[in-house]
C-alpha atoms as a PDB file:
ATOM      1  CA  MET A   1     -23.492 268.615  28.445  1.00  0.00           C
ATOM      2  CA  PRO A   2     -20.631 271.052  29.102  1.00  0.00           C
ATOM      3  CA  MET A   3     -18.613 270.457  32.270  1.00  0.00           C
ATOM      4  CA  GLN A   4     -19.132 272.844  35.126  1.00  0.00           C
ATOM      5  CA  SER A   5     -16.150 275.041  35.865  1.00  0.00           C
ATOM      6  CA  GLY A   6     -16.113 273.974  39.521  1.00  0.00           C
ATOM      7  CA  SER A   7     -16.094 270.240  38.763  1.00  0.00           C
ATOM      8  CA  PRO A   8     -12.824 268.387  39.388  1.00  0.00           C
ATOM      9  CA  ALA A   9     -13.152 266.750  35.964  1.00  0.00           C
ATOM     10  CA  ALA A  10     -12.581 270.157  34.392  1.00  0.00           C
ATOM     11  CA  TYR A  11      -9.144 270.507  35.990  1.00  0.00           C
ATOM     12  CA  ASP A  12      -7.651 267.020  36.319  1.00  0.00           C
ATOM     13  CA  ARG A  13      -6.896 266.386  32.643  1.00  0.00           C
ATOM     14  CA  ALA A  14      -3.581 268.256  32.600  1.00  0.00           C
ATOM     15  CA  ILE A  15      -0.943 268.597  35.273  1.00  0.00           C
ATOM     16  CA  THR A  16      -0.446 272.316  34.562  1.00  0.00           C
ATOM     17  CA  ILE A  17      -4.015 273.443  35.317  1.00  0.00           C
ATOM     18  CA  PHE A  18      -4.902 274.742  38.777  1.00  0.00           C
ATOM     19  CA  SER A  19      -8.455 274.447  40.048  1.00  0.00           C
ATOM     20  CA  PRO A  20     -10.102 277.664  41.292  1.00  0.00           C
ATOM     21  CA  ASP A  21      -9.247 276.707  44.882  1.00  0.00           C
ATOM     22  CA  GLY A  22      -5.558 276.253  44.017  1.00  0.00           C
ATOM     23  CA  ARG A  23      -5.317 272.476  43.729  1.00  0.00           C
ATOM     24  CA  LEU A  24      -3.395 270.296  41.271  1.00  0.00           C
ATOM     25  CA  PHE A  25      -5.545 267.206  41.067  1.00  0.00           C
ATOM     26  CA  GLN A  26      -2.948 265.005  39.374  1.00  0.00           C
ATOM     27  CA  VAL A  27      -0.580 265.587  42.297  1.00  0.00           C
ATOM     28  CA  GLU A  28      -3.339 264.685  44.734  1.00  0.00           C
ATOM     29  CA  TYR A  29      -4.119 261.524  42.761  1.00  0.00           C
ATOM     30  CA  ALA A  30      -0.420 260.573  42.961  1.00  0.00           C
ATOM     31  CA  LYS A  31      -0.609 260.936  46.751  1.00  0.00           C
ATOM     32  CA  GLU A  32      -3.590 258.574  46.771  1.00  0.00           C
ATOM     33  CA  ALA A  33      -1.544 256.002  44.827  1.00  0.00           C
ATOM     34  CA  ILE A  34       1.098 256.147  47.565  1.00  0.00           C
ATOM     35  CA  LYS A  35      -1.512 255.378  50.234  1.00  0.00           C
ATOM     36  CA  ARG A  36      -2.015 252.042  48.486  1.00  0.00           C
ATOM     37  CA  GLY A  37       1.694 251.260  48.579  1.00  0.00           C
ATOM     38  CA  ALA A  38       3.801 249.369  51.102  1.00  0.00           C
ATOM     39  CA  THR A  39       4.012 250.776  54.620  1.00  0.00           C
ATOM     40  CA  ALA A  40       7.411 252.363  55.294  1.00  0.00           C
ATOM     41  CA  ILE A  41       8.468 253.751  58.667  1.00  0.00           C
ATOM     42  CA  GLY A  42      11.442 255.855  59.714  1.00  0.00           C
ATOM     43  CA  ALA A  43      12.636 256.789  63.200  1.00  0.00           C
ATOM     44  CA  GLU A  44      15.705 258.501  64.595  1.00  0.00           C
ATOM     45  CA  TYR A  45      17.546 256.929  67.532  1.00  0.00           C
ATOM     46  CA  ASN A  46      20.305 258.393  69.694  1.00  0.00           C
ATOM     47  CA  SER A  47      23.066 258.030  67.093  1.00  0.00           C
ATOM     48  CA  GLY A  48      21.350 257.281  63.793  1.00  0.00           C
ATOM     49  CA  VAL A  49      18.213 256.529  61.804  1.00  0.00           C
ATOM     50  CA  ILE A  50      16.198 253.320  61.316  1.00  0.00           C
ATOM     51  CA  ILE A  51      13.929 252.695  58.327  1.00  0.00           C
ATOM     52  CA  GLY A  52      11.692 249.668  57.923  1.00  0.00           C
ATOM     53  CA  ILE A  53       9.093 248.494  55.444  1.00  0.00           C
ATOM     54  CA  ASP A  54       6.411 245.853  55.003  1.00  0.00           C
ATOM     55  CA  LYS A  55       7.357 244.085  51.761  1.00  0.00           C
ATOM     56  CA  ARG A  56       3.699 243.311  50.914  1.00  0.00           C
ATOM     57  CA  VAL A  57       4.019 239.721  49.718  1.00  0.00           C
ATOM     58  CA  THR A  58       0.800 239.314  47.703  1.00  0.00           C
ATOM     59  CA  SER A  59       1.204 235.657  46.738  1.00  0.00           C
ATOM     60  CA  LYS A  60       2.473 232.612  48.588  1.00  0.00           C
ATOM     61  CA  PHE A  61       4.471 231.743  45.471  1.00  0.00           C
ATOM     62  CA  MET A  62       6.540 234.943  45.605  1.00  0.00           C
ATOM     63  CA  GLU A  63      10.121 234.768  46.870  1.00  0.00           C
ATOM     64  CA  GLU A  64      10.444 237.319  49.692  1.00  0.00           C
ATOM     65  CA  GLU A  65      14.130 237.923  48.873  1.00  0.00           C
ATOM     66  CA  SER A  66      13.207 239.178  45.401  1.00  0.00           C
ATOM     67  CA  ILE A  67      11.156 242.061  46.808  1.00  0.00           C
ATOM     68  CA  GLU A  68      13.379 245.025  47.584  1.00  0.00           C
ATOM     69  CA  LYS A  69      11.853 248.235  48.939  1.00  0.00           C
ATOM     70  CA  ILE A  70      14.889 249.674  50.765  1.00  0.00           C
ATOM     71  CA  HIS A  71      17.769 250.822  48.582  1.00  0.00           C
ATOM     72  CA  LYS A  72      21.274 252.133  49.136  1.00  0.00           C
ATOM     73  CA  ILE A  73      21.968 255.465  47.429  1.00  0.00           C
ATOM     74  CA  ASP A  74      25.511 256.042  48.728  1.00  0.00           C
ATOM     75  CA  GLU A  75      27.627 254.663  51.551  1.00  0.00           C
ATOM     76  CA  HIS A  76      25.917 257.002  54.034  1.00  0.00           C
ATOM     77  CA  ILE A  77      22.411 257.328  52.536  1.00  0.00           C
ATOM     78  CA  GLY A  78      19.533 254.931  51.931  1.00  0.00           C
ATOM     79  CA  VAL A  79      15.861 255.245  51.032  1.00  0.00           C
ATOM     80  CA  ALA A  80      12.619 253.353  51.557  1.00  0.00           C
ATOM     81  CA  THR A  81       9.989 253.711  48.824  1.00  0.00           C
ATOM     82  CA  SER A  82       6.204 253.472  48.816  1.00  0.00           C
ATOM     83  CA  GLY A  83       4.005 253.739  45.755  1.00  0.00           C
ATOM     84  CA  LEU A  84       4.736 252.842  42.145  1.00  0.00           C
ATOM     85  CA  VAL A  85       7.824 250.613  42.140  1.00  0.00           C
ATOM     86  CA  ALA A  86       9.087 251.694  38.700  1.00  0.00           C
ATOM     87  CA  ASP A  87       8.800 255.386  39.617  1.00  0.00           C
ATOM     88  CA  GLY A  88      10.813 254.717  42.759  1.00  0.00           C
ATOM     89  CA  ARG A  89      13.501 252.910  40.761  1.00  0.00           C
ATOM     90  CA  LYS A  90      13.847 255.924  38.458  1.00  0.00           C
ATOM     91  CA  LEU A  91      14.370 258.293  41.414  1.00  0.00           C
ATOM     92  CA  ILE A  92      16.827 255.901  43.073  1.00  0.00           C
ATOM     93  CA  ASP A  93      18.947 255.738  39.904  1.00  0.00           C
ATOM     94  CA  TYR A  94      18.843 259.535  39.669  1.00  0.00           C
ATOM     95  CA  GLY A  95      19.931 259.859  43.302  1.00  0.00           C
ATOM     96  CA  ARG A  96      22.815 257.428  42.823  1.00  0.00           C
ATOM     97  CA  VAL A  97      24.097 259.336  39.792  1.00  0.00           C
ATOM     98  CA  SER A  98      23.851 262.628  41.710  1.00  0.00           C
ATOM     99  CA  ALA A  99      25.796 261.191  44.655  1.00  0.00           C
ATOM    100  CA  GLN A 100      28.547 259.779  42.428  1.00  0.00           C
ATOM    101  CA  THR A 101      28.789 263.025  40.440  1.00  0.00           C
ATOM    102  CA  GLU A 102      29.339 264.913  43.700  1.00  0.00           C
ATOM    103  CA  LYS A 103      32.190 262.552  44.589  1.00  0.00           C
ATOM    104  CA  LEU A 104      33.819 262.862  41.185  1.00  0.00           C
ATOM    105  CA  ASN A 105      33.564 266.643  41.079  1.00  0.00           C
ATOM    106  CA  TYR A 106      34.399 267.516  44.680  1.00  0.00           C
ATOM    107  CA  ASN A 107      35.965 264.351  46.144  1.00  0.00           C
ATOM    108  CA  GLN A 108      33.536 264.339  49.055  1.00  0.00           C
ATOM    109  CA  PRO A 109      30.270 262.582  49.955  1.00  0.00           C
ATOM    110  CA  MET A 110      27.040 264.391  49.182  1.00  0.00           C
ATOM    111  CA  ASP A 111      25.137 266.024  52.056  1.00  0.00           C
ATOM    112  CA  VAL A 112      21.878 264.244  52.828  1.00  0.00           C
ATOM    113  CA  VAL A 113      19.768 267.387  52.482  1.00  0.00           C
ATOM    114  CA  GLN A 114      21.420 268.250  49.157  1.00  0.00           C
ATOM    115  CA  LEU A 115      20.636 264.810  47.721  1.00  0.00           C
ATOM    116  CA  THR A 116      17.049 265.020  48.980  1.00  0.00           C
ATOM    117  CA  LYS A 117      16.661 268.473  47.409  1.00  0.00           C
ATOM    118  CA  GLU A 118      17.964 267.289  44.022  1.00  0.00           C
ATOM    119  CA  ILE A 119      15.560 264.352  43.981  1.00  0.00           C
ATOM    120  CA  CYS A 120      12.684 266.641  44.959  1.00  0.00           C
ATOM    121  CA  ASP A 121      13.661 269.196  42.301  1.00  0.00           C
ATOM    122  CA  LEU A 122      13.203 266.429  39.729  1.00  0.00           C
ATOM    123  CA  LYS A 123       9.847 265.456  41.268  1.00  0.00           C
ATOM    124  CA  GLN A 124       8.698 269.082  41.190  1.00  0.00           C
ATOM    125  CA  SER A 125       9.640 269.478  37.518  1.00  0.00           C
ATOM    126  CA  TYR A 126       7.259 266.632  36.667  1.00  0.00           C
ATOM    127  CA  THR A 127       4.379 268.657  38.117  1.00  0.00           C
ATOM    128  CA  GLN A 128       5.072 271.710  35.972  1.00  0.00           C
ATOM    129  CA  TYR A 129       5.217 270.676  32.316  1.00  0.00           C
ATOM    130  CA  GLY A 130       2.651 269.273  29.918  1.00  0.00           C
ATOM    131  CA  GLY A 131       3.129 265.737  28.649  1.00  0.00           C
ATOM    132  CA  THR A 132       4.390 264.429  31.990  1.00  0.00           C
ATOM    133  CA  ARG A 133       2.787 263.122  35.164  1.00  0.00           C
ATOM    134  CA  PRO A 134       3.899 263.329  38.803  1.00  0.00           C
ATOM    135  CA  PHE A 135       5.970 260.523  40.275  1.00  0.00           C
ATOM    136  CA  GLY A 136       3.562 258.253  42.127  1.00  0.00           C
ATOM    137  CA  VAL A 137       6.030 257.454  44.884  1.00  0.00           C
ATOM    138  CA  SER A 138       7.174 258.852  48.215  1.00  0.00           C
ATOM    139  CA  LEU A 139      10.611 258.319  49.707  1.00  0.00           C
ATOM    140  CA  LEU A 140      11.942 258.150  53.237  1.00  0.00           C
ATOM    141  CA  VAL A 141      15.549 259.324  52.973  1.00  0.00           C
ATOM    142  CA  ALA A 142      17.803 258.243  55.855  1.00  0.00           C
ATOM    143  CA  GLY A 143      21.398 259.359  56.140  1.00  0.00           C
ATOM    144  CA  ALA A 144      24.249 260.674  58.252  1.00  0.00           C
ATOM    145  CA  ASP A 145      26.835 263.302  57.349  1.00  0.00           C
ATOM    146  CA  GLU A 146      29.001 265.942  59.009  1.00  0.00           C
ATOM    147  CA  GLU A 147      25.873 267.805  60.093  1.00  0.00           C
ATOM    148  CA  GLY A 148      24.473 264.786  61.937  1.00  0.00           C
ATOM    149  CA  LYS A 149      21.695 262.239  61.331  1.00  0.00           C
ATOM    150  CA  HIS A 150      18.767 262.964  58.999  1.00  0.00           C
ATOM    151  CA  LEU A 151      15.347 261.550  58.124  1.00  0.00           C
ATOM    152  CA  TYR A 152      13.447 263.221  55.268  1.00  0.00           C
ATOM    153  CA  ARG A 153      10.043 262.464  53.818  1.00  0.00           C
ATOM    154  CA  THR A 154       9.293 263.468  50.217  1.00  0.00           C
ATOM    155  CA  ASP A 155       6.002 263.630  48.333  1.00  0.00           C
ATOM    156  CA  PRO A 156       4.965 263.844  44.632  1.00  0.00           C
ATOM    157  CA  SER A 157       4.788 267.648  44.684  1.00  0.00           C
ATOM    158  CA  GLY A 158       8.536 267.844  45.303  1.00  0.00           C
ATOM    159  CA  ALA A 159       8.164 268.956  48.917  1.00  0.00           C
ATOM    160  CA  TYR A 160      10.404 267.447  51.589  1.00  0.00           C
ATOM    161  CA  VAL A 161      10.301 267.726  55.375  1.00  0.00           C
ATOM    162  CA  SER A 162      12.652 266.518  58.105  1.00  0.00           C
ATOM    163  CA  TYR A 163      11.156 264.229  60.770  1.00  0.00           C
ATOM    164  CA  ARG A 164      12.233 262.430  63.933  1.00  0.00           C
ATOM    165  CA  ALA A 165       9.711 259.676  63.138  1.00  0.00           C
ATOM    166  CA  THR A 166       7.173 259.276  60.340  1.00  0.00           C
ATOM    167  CA  ALA A 167       5.454 256.807  58.005  1.00  0.00           C
ATOM    168  CA  ILE A 168       4.342 256.623  54.377  1.00  0.00           C
ATOM    169  CA  GLY A 169       2.143 254.202  52.471  1.00  0.00           C
ATOM    170  CA  LYS A 170      -0.811 252.101  53.497  1.00  0.00           C
ATOM    171  CA  GLY A 171      -1.982 252.816  57.051  1.00  0.00           C
ATOM    172  CA  GLU A 172       0.311 255.828  57.461  1.00  0.00           C
ATOM    173  CA  GLU A 173      -2.181 257.708  59.662  1.00  0.00           C
ATOM    174  CA  GLU A 174      -2.570 254.705  61.944  1.00  0.00           C
ATOM    175  CA  VAL A 175       1.205 254.315  62.191  1.00  0.00           C
ATOM    176  CA  ASP A 176       1.692 258.055  62.830  1.00  0.00           C
ATOM    177  CA  ASN A 177      -0.727 257.791  65.762  1.00  0.00           C
ATOM    178  CA  PHE A 178       1.212 254.790  67.065  1.00  0.00           C
ATOM    179  CA  LEU A 179       4.509 256.706  66.786  1.00  0.00           C
ATOM    180  CA  LYS A 180       3.058 259.716  68.623  1.00  0.00           C
ATOM    181  CA  LYS A 181       2.255 257.466  71.579  1.00  0.00           C
ATOM    182  CA  ASN A 182       5.350 255.265  71.587  1.00  0.00           C
ATOM    183  CA  TYR A 183       8.293 257.149  70.057  1.00  0.00           C
ATOM    184  CA  LYS A 184      10.862 258.446  72.544  1.00  0.00           C
ATOM    185  CA  LYS A 185      13.597 260.872  71.635  1.00  0.00           C
ATOM    186  CA  GLY A 186      17.069 259.489  72.345  1.00  0.00           C
ATOM    187  CA  MET A 187      16.115 255.802  72.256  1.00  0.00           C
ATOM    188  CA  LYS A 188      18.775 253.209  71.471  1.00  0.00           C
ATOM    189  CA  LYS A 189      19.072 251.423  68.129  1.00  0.00           C
ATOM    190  CA  ASP A 190      17.585 248.129  69.359  1.00  0.00           C
ATOM    191  CA  GLU A 191      14.638 250.035  70.835  1.00  0.00           C
ATOM    192  CA  ALA A 192      14.098 251.816  67.505  1.00  0.00           C
ATOM    193  CA  VAL A 193      14.149 248.506  65.595  1.00  0.00           C
ATOM    194  CA  LYS A 194      11.544 247.048  67.951  1.00  0.00           C
ATOM    195  CA  LEU A 195       9.448 250.221  67.628  1.00  0.00           C
ATOM    196  CA  VAL A 196       9.392 249.884  63.818  1.00  0.00           C
ATOM    197  CA  LEU A 197       8.510 246.180  64.025  1.00  0.00           C
ATOM    198  CA  LYS A 198       5.736 246.894  66.534  1.00  0.00           C
ATOM    199  CA  ALA A 199       4.361 249.597  64.244  1.00  0.00           C
ATOM    200  CA  LEU A 200       4.339 247.195  61.267  1.00  0.00           C
ATOM    201  CA  LYS A 201       2.662 244.575  63.419  1.00  0.00           C
ATOM    202  CA  GLU A 202       0.086 247.154  64.554  1.00  0.00           C
ATOM    203  CA  ILE A 203      -1.353 247.546  61.052  1.00  0.00           C
ATOM    204  CA  LYS A 204      -1.537 243.809  60.285  1.00  0.00           C
ATOM    205  CA  ASP A 205      -3.458 240.951  61.810  1.00  0.00           C
ATOM    206  CA  GLU A 206      -1.474 238.763  64.208  1.00  0.00           C
ATOM    207  CA  GLU A 207      -1.669 235.859  61.754  1.00  0.00           C
ATOM    208  CA  GLU A 208      -0.364 237.958  58.852  1.00  0.00           C
ATOM    209  CA  PHE A 209       2.703 239.483  60.505  1.00  0.00           C
ATOM    210  CA  SER A 210       6.002 237.654  60.255  1.00  0.00           C
ATOM    211  CA  PRO A 211       9.653 238.814  60.244  1.00  0.00           C
ATOM    212  CA  GLU A 212      10.072 237.540  56.669  1.00  0.00           C
ATOM    213  CA  ILE A 213       7.907 240.349  55.297  1.00  0.00           C
ATOM    214  CA  ALA A 214       9.805 243.073  57.167  1.00  0.00           C
ATOM    215  CA  GLU A 215      12.902 244.776  55.773  1.00  0.00           C
ATOM    216  CA  ILE A 216      14.959 246.902  58.176  1.00  0.00           C
ATOM    217  CA  ALA A 217      18.002 249.117  57.585  1.00  0.00           C
ATOM    218  CA  TYR A 218      19.882 251.774  59.504  1.00  0.00           C
ATOM    219  CA  VAL A 219      22.599 254.385  59.167  1.00  0.00           C
ATOM    220  CA  ASP A 220      24.676 255.340  62.182  1.00  0.00           C
ATOM    221  CA  GLN A 221      26.057 258.815  62.729  1.00  0.00           C
ATOM    222  CA  LYS A 222      29.409 257.483  63.994  1.00  0.00           C
ATOM    223  CA  GLU A 223      30.083 254.995  61.193  1.00  0.00           C
ATOM    224  CA  LYS A 224      28.228 256.904  58.431  1.00  0.00           C
ATOM    225  CA  GLN A 225      27.486 253.536  56.835  1.00  0.00           C
ATOM    226  CA  PHE A 226      24.062 252.498  55.564  1.00  0.00           C
ATOM    227  CA  LYS A 227      23.431 248.845  56.393  1.00  0.00           C
ATOM    228  CA  LYS A 228      20.554 246.371  56.150  1.00  0.00           C
ATOM    229  CA  LEU A 229      19.734 243.936  58.915  1.00  0.00           C
ATOM    230  CA  THR A 230      19.773 240.284  57.889  1.00  0.00           C
ATOM    231  CA  GLN A 231      16.558 238.280  58.108  1.00  0.00           C
ATOM    232  CA  LYS A 232      18.028 236.430  61.103  1.00  0.00           C
ATOM    233  CA  GLU A 233      18.654 239.732  62.906  1.00  0.00           C
ATOM    234  CA  VAL A 234      15.132 240.921  62.110  1.00  0.00           C
ATOM    235  CA  ALA A 235      13.696 237.630  63.365  1.00  0.00           C
ATOM    236  CA  LYS A 236      15.705 237.922  66.598  1.00  0.00           C
ATOM    237  CA  HIS A 237      14.279 241.386  67.279  1.00  0.00           C
ATOM    238  CA  ALA A 238      10.801 240.144  66.415  1.00  0.00           C
ATOM    239  CA  GLU A 239      11.148 237.311  68.969  1.00  0.00           C
ATOM    240  CA  ASP A 240      12.030 239.871  71.647  1.00  0.00           C
ATOM    241  CA  LEU A 241       8.695 241.603  71.094  1.00  0.00           C
END
């Protein structure tokens, strides 16, 4: 039987075909893949940005240290990824090359918004041409430059938005509701770390949550240095909860 023109199956076989109501189904499917990814949370504090992620250890035989979901792009920029790991690695490599090219050409660090835009331009191009598919990954981009501190959220369409606090990945709606109730503008760094850990704990059973599965990093506006907390530092904050 011929497919009905209004059926999604008639429009989801190529990335370049819009449905009659203006939807690109392959982009929407990519967003669904991200909702099955690791939970990543970002929050601004008074002088910087915190990002944290649940490393999703799926087997007791896995080494937690081998799972890396937060990556350094440049000295002053880092990202947390949720979705397809290999897609995220491709975008991270692209971002690193862009940042280093900026330094070589202009002898200055790349602005956070400029780096985010270049990554999202690449993501958008993969929604426009036949023979490709959208990147099935979202990024939380955290950085600090001369303009101040920044937290951006990207999606497979190539769109990016600046946030004070947000989440991506599994349970993102639940975490967003938690942040709406508990996030306070101007909080200190330690308070922001505890907020992220509480949010990660909120979406897991008490027995499942442990500091070993949490990865936390920050970038401070004064230092303009992206740094990861050690597991001991994360555990100390978790004890204070």
